[in-house]
């Protein structure tokens, strides 16, 4: 597993991103492929879900990556911080 995925913040952010935007992307992909009766669906609920979860998930992922990077730099500098 890559080092960046060890952070709990990154994992929660990725799950939130997938759960929040996945349904909207699935409906749009199904409509594009012609799997739905309506070629131009209006998934309002899934759009609102994606809107409410996208930026918090991006913030969690970025803060987890920054926290992991800071922790790695602290470990490589040694106890004196040099």
PDB file of N, CA and C in Angstrom:
ATOM      1  N   UNK A   1       0.845  -1.168   0.000  1.00  0.00           N
ATOM      2  CA  UNK A   1       0.000   0.000   0.000  1.00  0.00           C
ATOM      3  C   UNK A   1       0.896   1.239   0.000  1.00  0.00           C
ATOM      4  N   UNK A   2       0.607   2.217  -0.866  1.00  0.00           N
ATOM      5  CA  UNK A   2       1.405   3.441  -0.868  1.00  0.00           C
ATOM      6  C   UNK A   2       1.325   4.165   0.474  1.00  0.00           C
ATOM      7  N   UNK A   3       2.366   4.884   0.777  1.00  0.00           N
ATOM      8  CA  UNK A   3       2.465   5.570   2.058  1.00  0.00           C
ATOM      9  C   UNK A   3       1.341   6.580   2.239  1.00  0.00           C
ATOM     10  N   UNK A   4       0.923   7.229   1.157  1.00  0.00           N
ATOM     11  CA  UNK A   4      -0.101   8.277   1.286  1.00  0.00           C
ATOM     12  C   UNK A   4      -1.456   7.721   1.713  1.00  0.00           C
ATOM     13  N   UNK A   5      -1.721   6.433   1.500  1.00  0.00           N
ATOM     14  CA  UNK A   5      -3.009   5.854   1.880  1.00  0.00           C
ATOM     15  C   UNK A   5      -3.035   5.366   3.317  1.00  0.00           C
ATOM     16  N   UNK A   6      -1.940   5.498   4.039  1.00  0.00           N
ATOM     17  CA  UNK A   6      -1.910   5.060   5.437  1.00  0.00           C
ATOM     18  C   UNK A   6      -2.602   6.040   6.365  1.00  0.00           C
ATOM     19  N   UNK A   7      -2.759   7.267   5.930  1.00  0.00           N
ATOM     20  CA  UNK A   7      -3.405   8.284   6.758  1.00  0.00           C
ATOM     21  C   UNK A   7      -4.910   8.049   6.813  1.00  0.00           C
ATOM     22  N   UNK A   8      -5.457   8.136   8.008  1.00  0.00           N
ATOM     23  CA  UNK A   8      -6.905   7.955   8.176  1.00  0.00           C
ATOM     24  C   UNK A   8      -7.667   9.063   7.476  1.00  0.00           C
ATOM     25  N   UNK A   9      -7.125  10.269   7.492  1.00  0.00           N
ATOM     26  CA  UNK A   9      -7.794  11.386   6.813  1.00  0.00           C
ATOM     27  C   UNK A   9      -7.910  11.137   5.311  1.00  0.00           C
ATOM     28  N   UNK A  10      -6.861  10.614   4.721  1.00  0.00           N
ATOM     29  CA  UNK A  10      -6.891  10.341   3.285  1.00  0.00           C
ATOM     30  C   UNK A  10      -7.907   9.242   2.982  1.00  0.00           C
ATOM     31  N   UNK A  11      -7.926   8.209   3.786  1.00  0.00           N
ATOM     32  CA  UNK A  11      -8.885   7.114   3.576  1.00  0.00           C
ATOM     33  C   UNK A  11     -10.326   7.599   3.696  1.00  0.00           C
ATOM     34  N   UNK A  12     -10.604   8.385   4.735  1.00  0.00           N
ATOM     35  CA  UNK A  12     -11.966   8.905   4.917  1.00  0.00           C
ATOM     36  C   UNK A  12     -12.324   9.833   3.760  1.00  0.00           C
ATOM     37  N   UNK A  13     -11.391  10.665   3.331  1.00  0.00           N
ATOM     38  CA  UNK A  13     -11.645  11.567   2.209  1.00  0.00           C
ATOM     39  C   UNK A  13     -11.933  10.813   0.923  1.00  0.00           C
ATOM     40  N   UNK A  14     -11.192   9.745   0.663  1.00  0.00           N
ATOM     41  CA  UNK A  14     -11.436   8.958  -0.547  1.00  0.00           C
ATOM     42  C   UNK A  14     -12.786   8.255  -0.500  1.00  0.00           C
ATOM     43  N   UNK A  15     -13.129   7.701   0.670  1.00  0.00           N
ATOM     44  CA  UNK A  15     -14.439   7.056   0.804  1.00  0.00           C
ATOM     45  C   UNK A  15     -15.551   8.072   0.618  1.00  0.00           C
ATOM     46  N   UNK A  16     -15.405   9.239   1.214  1.00  0.00           N
ATOM     47  CA  UNK A  16     -16.412  10.291   1.071  1.00  0.00           C
ATOM     48  C   UNK A  16     -16.529  10.742  -0.381  1.00  0.00           C
ATOM     49  N   UNK A  17     -15.414  10.840  -1.072  1.00  0.00           N
ATOM     50  CA  UNK A  17     -15.432  11.227  -2.478  1.00  0.00           C
ATOM     51  C   UNK A  17     -16.150  10.182  -3.327  1.00  0.00           C
ATOM     52  N   UNK A  18     -15.860   8.925  -3.102  1.00  0.00           N
ATOM     53  CA  UNK A  18     -16.481   7.851  -3.883  1.00  0.00           C
ATOM     54  C   UNK A  18     -17.968   7.731  -3.571  1.00  0.00           C
ATOM     55  N   UNK A  19     -18.308   7.766  -2.282  1.00  0.00           N
ATOM     56  CA  UNK A  19     -19.721   7.636  -1.897  1.00  0.00           C
ATOM     57  C   UNK A  19     -20.523   8.861  -2.316  1.00  0.00           C
ATOM     58  N   UNK A  20     -19.904  10.035  -2.274  1.00  0.00           N
ATOM     59  CA  UNK A  20     -20.623  11.264  -2.600  1.00  0.00           C
ATOM     60  C   UNK A  20     -20.802  11.502  -4.085  1.00  0.00           C
ATOM     61  N   UNK A  21     -19.785  11.233  -4.883  1.00  0.00           N
ATOM     62  CA  UNK A  21     -19.878  11.516  -6.315  1.00  0.00           C
ATOM     63  C   UNK A  21     -20.160  10.286  -7.165  1.00  0.00           C
ATOM     64  N   UNK A  22     -19.968   9.108  -6.602  1.00  0.00           N
ATOM     65  CA  UNK A  22     -20.171   7.868  -7.355  1.00  0.00           C
ATOM     66  C   UNK A  22     -21.564   7.704  -7.941  1.00  0.00           C
ATOM     67  N   UNK A  23     -22.623   7.900  -7.153  1.00  0.00           N
ATOM     68  CA  UNK A  23     -23.964   7.735  -7.719  1.00  0.00           C
ATOM     69  C   UNK A  23     -24.267   8.691  -8.873  1.00  0.00           C
ATOM     70  N   UNK A  24     -23.839   9.938  -8.740  1.00  0.00           N
ATOM     71  CA  UNK A  24     -24.072  10.901  -9.821  1.00  0.00           C
ATOM     72  C   UNK A  24     -23.316  10.496 -11.076  1.00  0.00           C
ATOM     73  N   UNK A  25     -22.070  10.112 -10.922  1.00  0.00           N
ATOM     74  CA  UNK A  25     -21.278   9.689 -12.083  1.00  0.00           C
ATOM     75  C   UNK A  25     -21.840   8.418 -12.716  1.00  0.00           C
ATOM     76  N   UNK A  26     -22.355   7.511 -11.887  1.00  0.00           N
ATOM     77  CA  UNK A  26     -22.937   6.280 -12.418  1.00  0.00           C
ATOM     78  C   UNK A  26     -24.191   6.574 -13.234  1.00  0.00           C
ATOM     79  N   UNK A  27     -25.045   7.461 -12.758  1.00  0.00           N
ATOM     80  CA  UNK A  27     -26.261   7.813 -13.495  1.00  0.00           C
ATOM     81  C   UNK A  27     -25.920   8.525 -14.794  1.00  0.00           C
ATOM     82  N   UNK A  28     -24.962   9.429 -14.743  1.00  0.00           N
ATOM     83  CA  UNK A  28     -24.570  10.137 -15.962  1.00  0.00           C
ATOM     84  C   UNK A  28     -23.929   9.189 -16.974  1.00  0.00           C
ATOM     85  N   UNK A  29     -23.131   8.256 -16.495  1.00  0.00           N
ATOM     86  CA  UNK A  29     -22.515   7.277 -17.403  1.00  0.00           C
ATOM     87  C   UNK A  29     -23.563   6.353 -18.003  1.00  0.00           C
ATOM     88  N   UNK A  30     -24.539   5.928 -17.190  1.00  0.00           N
ATOM     89  CA  UNK A  30     -25.595   5.058 -17.698  1.00  0.00           C
ATOM     90  C   UNK A  30     -26.435   5.774 -18.755  1.00  0.00           C
ATOM     91  N   UNK A  31     -26.704   7.051 -18.542  1.00  0.00           N
ATOM     92  CA  UNK A  31     -27.471   7.807 -19.531  1.00  0.00           C
ATOM     93  C   UNK A  31     -26.672   7.983 -20.821  1.00  0.00           C
ATOM     94  N   UNK A  32     -25.374   8.203 -20.677  1.00  0.00           N
ATOM     95  CA  UNK A  32     -24.527   8.384 -21.856  1.00  0.00           C
ATOM     96  C   UNK A  32     -24.430   7.092 -22.673  1.00  0.00           C
ATOM     97  N   UNK A  33     -24.428   5.966 -21.980  1.00  0.00           N
ATOM     98  CA  UNK A  33     -24.347   4.676 -22.669  1.00  0.00           C
ATOM     99  C   UNK A  33     -25.700   4.189 -23.185  1.00  0.00           C
ATOM    100  N   UNK A  34     -26.760   4.902 -22.859  1.00  0.00           N
ATOM    101  CA  UNK A  34     -28.090   4.528 -23.319  1.00  0.00           C
ATOM    102  C   UNK A  34     -28.745   3.446 -22.489  1.00  0.00           C
ATOM    103  N   UNK A  35     -28.318   3.277 -21.248  1.00  0.00           N
ATOM    104  CA  UNK A  35     -28.879   2.248 -20.381  1.00  0.00           C
ATOM    105  C   UNK A  35     -30.149   2.702 -19.668  1.00  0.00           C
ATOM    106  N   UNK A  36     -30.462   3.986 -19.723  1.00  0.00           N
ATOM    107  CA  UNK A  36     -31.677   4.496 -19.087  1.00  0.00           C
ATOM    108  C   UNK A  36     -32.692   4.898 -20.147  1.00  0.00           C
ATOM    109  N   UNK A  37     -33.950   4.949 -19.745  1.00  0.00           N
ATOM    110  CA  UNK A  37     -35.001   5.363 -20.673  1.00  0.00           C
ATOM    111  C   UNK A  37     -34.883   6.843 -21.033  1.00  0.00           C
ATOM    112  N   UNK A  38     -34.476   7.631 -20.059  1.00  0.00           N
ATOM    113  CA  UNK A  38     -34.350   9.069 -20.271  1.00  0.00           C
ATOM    114  C   UNK A  38     -32.912   9.401 -20.682  1.00  0.00           C
ATOM    115  N   UNK A  39     -32.709   9.930 -21.895  1.00  0.00           N
ATOM    116  CA  UNK A  39     -31.336  10.236 -22.323  1.00  0.00           C
ATOM    117  C   UNK A  39     -30.761  11.478 -21.636  1.00  0.00           C
ATOM    118  N   UNK A  40     -31.622  12.249 -20.974  1.00  0.00           N
ATOM    119  CA  UNK A  40     -31.184  13.461 -20.294  1.00  0.00           C
ATOM    120  C   UNK A  40     -31.743  13.462 -18.867  1.00  0.00           C
ATOM    121  N   UNK A  41     -31.195  12.624 -17.978  1.00  0.00           N
ATOM    122  CA  UNK A  41     -31.755  12.517 -16.628  1.00  0.00           C
ATOM    123  C   UNK A  41     -31.463  13.769 -15.794  1.00  0.00           C
ATOM    124  N   UNK A  42     -32.247  13.939 -14.748  1.00  0.00           N
ATOM    125  CA  UNK A  42     -32.077  15.061 -13.843  1.00  0.00           C
ATOM    126  C   UNK A  42     -31.933  14.521 -12.417  1.00  0.00           C
ATOM    127  N   UNK A  43     -30.758  14.003 -12.075  1.00  0.00           N
ATOM    128  CA  UNK A  43     -30.560  13.413 -10.744  1.00  0.00           C
ATOM    129  C   UNK A  43     -30.263  14.478  -9.690  1.00  0.00           C
ATOM    130  N   UNK A  44     -31.295  15.178  -9.271  1.00  0.00           N
ATOM    131  CA  UNK A  44     -31.122  16.301  -8.344  1.00  0.00           C
ATOM    132  C   UNK A  44     -30.544  15.847  -7.013  1.00  0.00           C
ATOM    133  N   UNK A  45     -31.101  14.786  -6.449  1.00  0.00           N
ATOM    134  CA  UNK A  45     -30.639  14.315  -5.137  1.00  0.00           C
ATOM    135  C   UNK A  45     -29.161  13.937  -5.188  1.00  0.00           C
ATOM    136  N   UNK A  46     -28.764  13.231  -6.245  1.00  0.00           N
ATOM    137  CA  UNK A  46     -27.370  12.809  -6.349  1.00  0.00           C
ATOM    138  C   UNK A  46     -26.449  13.997  -6.632  1.00  0.00           C
ATOM    139  N   UNK A  47     -26.956  14.999  -7.321  1.00  0.00           N
ATOM    140  CA  UNK A  47     -26.180  16.218  -7.546  1.00  0.00           C
ATOM    141  C   UNK A  47     -25.947  16.978  -6.254  1.00  0.00           C
ATOM    142  N   UNK A  48     -26.982  17.058  -5.418  1.00  0.00           N
ATOM    143  CA  UNK A  48     -26.838  17.718  -4.122  1.00  0.00           C
ATOM    144  C   UNK A  48     -25.869  16.937  -3.239  1.00  0.00           C
ATOM    145  N   UNK A  49     -25.958  15.607  -3.267  1.00  0.00           N
ATOM    146  CA  UNK A  49     -25.043  14.769  -2.503  1.00  0.00           C
ATOM    147  C   UNK A  49     -23.597  15.004  -2.946  1.00  0.00           C
ATOM    148  N   UNK A  50     -23.374  15.058  -4.246  1.00  0.00           N
ATOM    149  CA  UNK A  50     -22.025  15.310  -4.758  1.00  0.00           C
ATOM    150  C   UNK A  50     -21.553  16.709  -4.368  1.00  0.00           C
ATOM    151  N   UNK A  51     -22.447  17.686  -4.429  1.00  0.00           N
ATOM    152  CA  UNK A  51     -22.101  19.062  -4.071  1.00  0.00           C
ATOM    153  C   UNK A  51     -21.682  19.163  -2.608  1.00  0.00           C
ATOM    154  N   UNK A  52     -22.393  18.464  -1.734  1.00  0.00           N
ATOM    155  CA  UNK A  52     -22.127  18.558  -0.304  1.00  0.00           C
ATOM    156  C   UNK A  52     -20.923  17.743   0.152  1.00  0.00           C
ATOM    157  N   UNK A  53     -20.495  16.768  -0.640  1.00  0.00           N
ATOM    158  CA  UNK A  53     -19.397  15.908  -0.207  1.00  0.00           C
ATOM    159  C   UNK A  53     -18.085  16.131  -0.952  1.00  0.00           C
ATOM    160  N   UNK A  54     -18.110  16.805  -2.088  1.00  0.00           N
ATOM    161  CA  UNK A  54     -16.897  16.916  -2.891  1.00  0.00           C
ATOM    162  C   UNK A  54     -15.800  17.715  -2.191  1.00  0.00           C
ATOM    163  N   UNK A  55     -16.077  18.952  -1.816  1.00  0.00           N
ATOM    164  CA  UNK A  55     -15.035  19.795  -1.237  1.00  0.00           C
ATOM    165  C   UNK A  55     -14.580  19.334   0.142  1.00  0.00           C
ATOM    166  N   UNK A  56     -15.476  18.857   1.012  1.00  0.00           N
ATOM    167  CA  UNK A  56     -14.966  18.297   2.274  1.00  0.00           C
ATOM    168  C   UNK A  56     -14.041  17.100   2.051  1.00  0.00           C
ATOM    169  N   UNK A  57     -14.348  16.268   1.055  1.00  0.00           N
ATOM    170  CA  UNK A  57     -13.481  15.118   0.796  1.00  0.00           C
ATOM    171  C   UNK A  57     -12.130  15.572   0.251  1.00  0.00           C
ATOM    172  N   UNK A  58     -12.124  16.577  -0.606  1.00  0.00           N
ATOM    173  CA  UNK A  58     -10.858  17.109  -1.117  1.00  0.00           C
ATOM    174  C   UNK A  58     -10.042  17.715   0.027  1.00  0.00           C
ATOM    175  N   UNK A  59     -10.709  18.423   0.938  1.00  0.00           N
ATOM    176  CA  UNK A  59     -10.008  19.013   2.079  1.00  0.00           C
ATOM    177  C   UNK A  59      -9.414  17.924   2.974  1.00  0.00           C
ATOM    178  N   UNK A  60     -10.153  16.851   3.216  1.00  0.00           N
ATOM    179  CA  UNK A  60      -9.623  15.759   4.027  1.00  0.00           C
ATOM    180  C   UNK A  60      -8.426  15.092   3.361  1.00  0.00           C
ATOM    181  N   UNK A  61      -8.520  14.870   2.064  1.00  0.00           N
ATOM    182  CA  UNK A  61      -7.412  14.234   1.350  1.00  0.00           C
ATOM    183  C   UNK A  61      -6.169  15.117   1.401  1.00  0.00           C
ATOM    184  N   UNK A  62      -6.325  16.396   1.131  1.00  0.00           N
ATOM    185  CA  UNK A  62      -5.170  17.299   1.146  1.00  0.00           C
ATOM    186  C   UNK A  62      -4.576  17.457   2.543  1.00  0.00           C
ATOM    187  N   UNK A  63      -5.433  17.546   3.562  1.00  0.00           N
ATOM    188  CA  UNK A  63      -4.892  17.671   4.919  1.00  0.00           C
ATOM    189  C   UNK A  63      -4.208  16.382   5.352  1.00  0.00           C
ATOM    190  N   UNK A  64      -4.730  15.237   4.935  1.00  0.00           N
ATOM    191  CA  UNK A  64      -4.080  13.967   5.256  1.00  0.00           C
ATOM    192  C   UNK A  64      -2.736  13.831   4.576  1.00  0.00           C
ATOM    193  N   UNK A  65      -2.656  14.264   3.326  1.00  0.00           N
ATOM    194  CA  UNK A  65      -1.377  14.220   2.612  1.00  0.00           C
ATOM    195  C   UNK A  65      -0.368  15.168   3.249  1.00  0.00           C
ATOM    196  N   UNK A  66      -0.809  16.370   3.629  1.00  0.00           N
ATOM    197  CA  UNK A  66       0.090  17.334   4.262  1.00  0.00           C
ATOM    198  C   UNK A  66       0.551  16.831   5.624  1.00  0.00           C
ATOM    199  N   UNK A  67      -0.362  16.245   6.376  1.00  0.00           N
ATOM    200  CA  UNK A  67      -0.011  15.714   7.693  1.00  0.00           C
ATOM    201  C   UNK A  67       0.985  14.561   7.563  1.00  0.00           C
ATOM    202  N   UNK A  68       0.776  13.680   6.604  1.00  0.00           N
ATOM    203  CA  UNK A  68       1.696  12.571   6.382  1.00  0.00           C
ATOM    204  C   UNK A  68       3.060  13.041   5.929  1.00  0.00           C
ATOM    205  N   UNK A  69       3.072  14.058   5.091  1.00  0.00           N
ATOM    206  CA  UNK A  69       4.350  14.601   4.613  1.00  0.00           C
ATOM    207  C   UNK A  69       5.119  15.245   5.753  1.00  0.00           C
ATOM    208  N   UNK A  70       4.399  15.976   6.598  1.00  0.00           N
ATOM    209  CA  UNK A  70       5.039  16.625   7.734  1.00  0.00           C
ATOM    210  C   UNK A  70       5.576  15.581   8.712  1.00  0.00           C
ATOM    211  N   UNK A  71       4.829  14.515   8.926  1.00  0.00           N
ATOM    212  CA  UNK A  71       5.273  13.463   9.833  1.00  0.00           C
ATOM    213  C   UNK A  71       6.497  12.744   9.270  1.00  0.00           C
ATOM    214  N   UNK A  72       6.508  12.497   7.965  1.00  0.00           N
ATOM    215  CA  UNK A  72       7.669  11.840   7.351  1.00  0.00           C
ATOM    216  C   UNK A  72       8.908  12.720   7.436  1.00  0.00           C
ATOM    217  N   UNK A  73       8.748  14.019   7.216  1.00  0.00           N
ATOM    218  CA  UNK A  73       9.894  14.927   7.298  1.00  0.00           C
ATOM    219  C   UNK A  73      10.441  14.995   8.722  1.00  0.00           C
ATOM    220  N   UNK A  74       9.552  14.936   9.697  1.00  0.00           N
ATOM    221  CA  UNK A  74       9.974  14.963  11.093  1.00  0.00           C
ATOM    222  C   UNK A  74      10.755  13.726  11.467  1.00  0.00           C
ATOM    223  N   UNK A  75      10.389  12.574  10.901  1.00  0.00           N
ATOM    224  CA  UNK A  75      11.090  11.338  11.210  1.00  0.00           C
ATOM    225  C   UNK A  75      12.456  11.277  10.544  1.00  0.00           C
ATOM    226  N   UNK A  76      12.598  11.874   9.373  1.00  0.00           N
ATOM    227  CA  UNK A  76      13.869  11.788   8.667  1.00  0.00           C
ATOM    228  C   UNK A  76      14.885  12.804   9.174  1.00  0.00           C
ATOM    229  N   UNK A  77      14.450  13.837   9.853  1.00  0.00           N
ATOM    230  CA  UNK A  77      15.380  14.859  10.336  1.00  0.00           C
ATOM    231  C   UNK A  77      16.124  14.415  11.591  1.00  0.00           C
ATOM    232  N   UNK A  78      15.568  13.509  12.312  1.00  0.00           N
ATOM    233  CA  UNK A  78      16.231  13.055  13.538  1.00  0.00           C
ATOM    234  C   UNK A  78      15.683  13.768  14.751  1.00  0.00           C
ATOM    235  N   UNK A  79      16.182  13.406  15.930  1.00  0.00           N
ATOM    236  CA  UNK A  79      15.614  13.954  17.165  1.00  0.00           C
ATOM    237  C   UNK A  79      15.927  15.438  17.360  1.00  0.00           C
ATOM    238  N   UNK A  80      17.011  15.933  16.807  1.00  0.00           N
ATOM    239  CA  UNK A  80      17.358  17.340  16.994  1.00  0.00           C
ATOM    240  C   UNK A  80      16.626  18.255  16.028  1.00  0.00           C
ATOM    241  N   UNK A  81      15.958  17.684  15.008  1.00  0.00           N
ATOM    242  CA  UNK A  81      15.236  18.489  14.052  1.00  0.00           C
ATOM    243  C   UNK A  81      16.114  19.118  12.998  1.00  0.00           C
ATOM    244  N   UNK A  82      17.292  18.588  12.780  1.00  0.00           N
ATOM    245  CA  UNK A  82      18.213  19.157  11.787  1.00  0.00           C
ATOM    246  C   UNK A  82      18.090  18.461  10.481  1.00  0.00           C
TER     247      UNK A  82
END
